[in-house]
Protein backbone atom coordinates (compact mmCIF):
# COMPACT_ATOMS: atom_id res chain seq x y z
CA MET A 1 -23.79 -1.96 -3.76
CA THR A 2 -23.54 -5.52 -5.33
CA ALA A 3 -20.11 -6.11 -4.35
CA SER A 4 -20.81 -5.47 -0.53
CA LYS A 5 -23.77 -7.94 -1.07
CA LYS A 6 -21.28 -10.06 -2.89
CA TYR A 7 -18.85 -10.03 0.10
CA CYS A 8 -21.21 -10.43 3.21
CA GLU A 9 -22.40 -13.16 1.59
CA GLN A 10 -19.05 -15.10 1.32
CA ASN A 11 -17.93 -13.86 4.60
CA ASN A 12 -21.68 -14.68 6.40
CA LEU A 13 -22.19 -11.12 6.78
CA ASP A 14 -25.97 -9.69 6.58
CA TRP A 15 -25.58 -7.63 3.60
CA GLU A 16 -29.03 -5.42 5.17
CA LYS A 17 -27.37 -4.27 8.11
CA PHE A 18 -25.42 -2.25 5.62
CA TRP A 19 -27.96 -0.50 2.96
CA LYS A 20 -31.23 -0.92 4.95
CA LYS A 21 -32.92 1.64 7.12
CA ASP A 22 -33.57 1.24 10.81
CA ASN A 23 -29.12 -0.46 11.52
CA ASP A 24 -26.73 1.56 12.55
CA ASN A 25 -25.20 2.30 9.68
CA LYS A 26 -23.02 4.99 7.83
CA ILE A 27 -23.34 5.15 4.03
CA TYR A 28 -19.93 7.74 3.10
CA LEU A 29 -20.22 7.41 -0.85
CA VAL A 30 -16.21 9.00 -2.10
CA HIS A 31 -15.94 9.73 -5.97
CA ALA A 32 -14.37 11.70 -8.50
CA LYS A 33 -16.01 14.38 -9.60
CA ASP A 34 -17.49 12.92 -12.77
CA ASN A 35 -19.64 11.00 -10.77
CA ILE A 36 -21.09 13.70 -8.76
CA PRO A 37 -24.88 13.39 -11.61
CA PHE A 38 -25.37 9.27 -10.54
CA HIS A 39 -24.04 9.34 -6.98
CA THR A 40 -26.02 12.24 -5.99
CA VAL A 41 -29.19 12.28 -7.69
CA ILE A 42 -29.53 8.69 -10.31
CA PHE A 43 -28.23 6.06 -7.42
CA PRO A 44 -30.46 8.20 -4.44
CA LEU A 45 -33.47 7.57 -7.11
CA LEU A 46 -32.52 4.35 -7.74
CA LEU A 47 -33.00 3.34 -4.48
CA LEU A 48 -35.99 5.09 -3.38
CA GLY A 49 -38.18 3.45 -6.40
CA THR A 50 -37.25 -0.22 -5.40
CA LYS A 51 -39.57 0.92 -2.37
CA GLY A 52 -37.06 -1.64 -0.55
CA ASN A 53 -36.54 0.56 2.73
CA TYR A 54 -33.50 1.41 1.03
CA LYS A 55 -30.89 3.59 3.78
CA LEU A 56 -29.76 7.13 1.80
CA PRO A 57 -25.85 7.96 1.99
CA ASP A 58 -25.49 10.31 5.11
CA LYS A 59 -22.53 11.90 3.02
CA ILE A 60 -20.95 12.05 -0.47
CA VAL A 61 -17.53 12.97 -1.04
CA SER A 62 -16.67 14.42 -4.63
CA ASP A 63 -13.05 15.43 -5.09
CA GLU A 64 -11.31 16.36 -7.69
CA TYR A 65 -9.37 13.66 -9.93
CA ILE A 66 -6.19 11.82 -8.63
CA THR A 67 -3.42 12.90 -11.14
CA ILE A 68 0.11 10.99 -12.49
CA GLU A 69 2.38 13.36 -15.11
CA GLY A 70 -0.08 15.37 -14.85
CA GLU A 71 -2.84 12.71 -16.55
CA LYS A 72 -5.83 11.94 -14.84
CA LEU A 73 -5.41 7.93 -13.15
CA SER A 74 -7.85 5.73 -15.99
CA LYS A 75 -8.03 1.94 -16.00
CA SER A 76 -8.45 2.76 -19.54
CA LYS A 77 -5.26 4.60 -20.16
CA ARG A 78 -3.56 1.51 -16.94
CA ASN A 79 -2.01 4.90 -15.82
CA TYR A 80 -3.56 3.49 -12.77
CA ILE A 81 -2.91 1.30 -9.49
CA SER A 82 -5.47 -0.51 -7.75
CA ILE A 83 -6.80 -0.54 -4.01
CA ARG A 84 -5.26 -3.86 -3.71
CA ASP A 85 -1.46 -3.45 -4.95
CA LEU A 86 -1.49 0.10 -2.54
CA LEU A 87 -2.44 -2.84 0.48
CA GLU A 88 0.33 -5.11 -0.76
CA ARG A 89 3.00 -2.95 -1.08
CA TYR A 90 2.58 -0.41 1.12
CA PRO A 91 1.01 0.05 5.31
CA VAL A 92 -1.93 1.78 5.00
CA ASP A 93 -1.08 5.03 7.30
CA ALA A 94 1.50 5.55 5.02
CA ILE A 95 -1.47 5.61 2.54
CA ARG A 96 -3.94 7.46 4.46
CA TYR A 97 -0.71 10.22 4.79
CA TYR A 98 -0.17 10.35 0.90
CA PHE A 99 -3.56 11.47 -0.42
CA LEU A 100 -3.66 13.49 2.56
CA ILE A 101 -0.80 15.85 1.80
CA ASN A 102 -1.49 15.09 -1.95
CA ASP A 103 -4.92 16.11 -1.96
CA PRO A 104 -6.16 17.29 -5.72
CA VAL A 105 -7.95 20.21 -4.15
CA LYS A 106 -4.88 21.26 -2.22
CA ARG A 107 -7.63 22.46 1.06
CA PHE A 108 -6.12 22.71 4.30
CA TYR A 109 -7.89 21.18 7.66
CA SER A 110 -7.76 23.27 10.39
CA ARG A 111 -9.12 23.68 14.01
């Protein structure tokens, strides 16, 4: 929330349109499985506890870790690539395709 507020302030956007109720907004939280307790319990309770008219998340998506050579990606292990680096090196559709076909859960979607 803090990062999005800062981004909005730097780009002359109203951050409340993204986080407050009564706006046409959707909130999606996407994370690896180690963040499930925070995103499903702690963060929503913090929003409610402020009584600040915050909207609760619409969708919470938890997934397995993304791995490289059998190890989960980690900043502390320095075996990760940032989103910024990915976007500088590859077209966004190629990135989407890569993550779609390499989903750690290996689920298949059909209609």
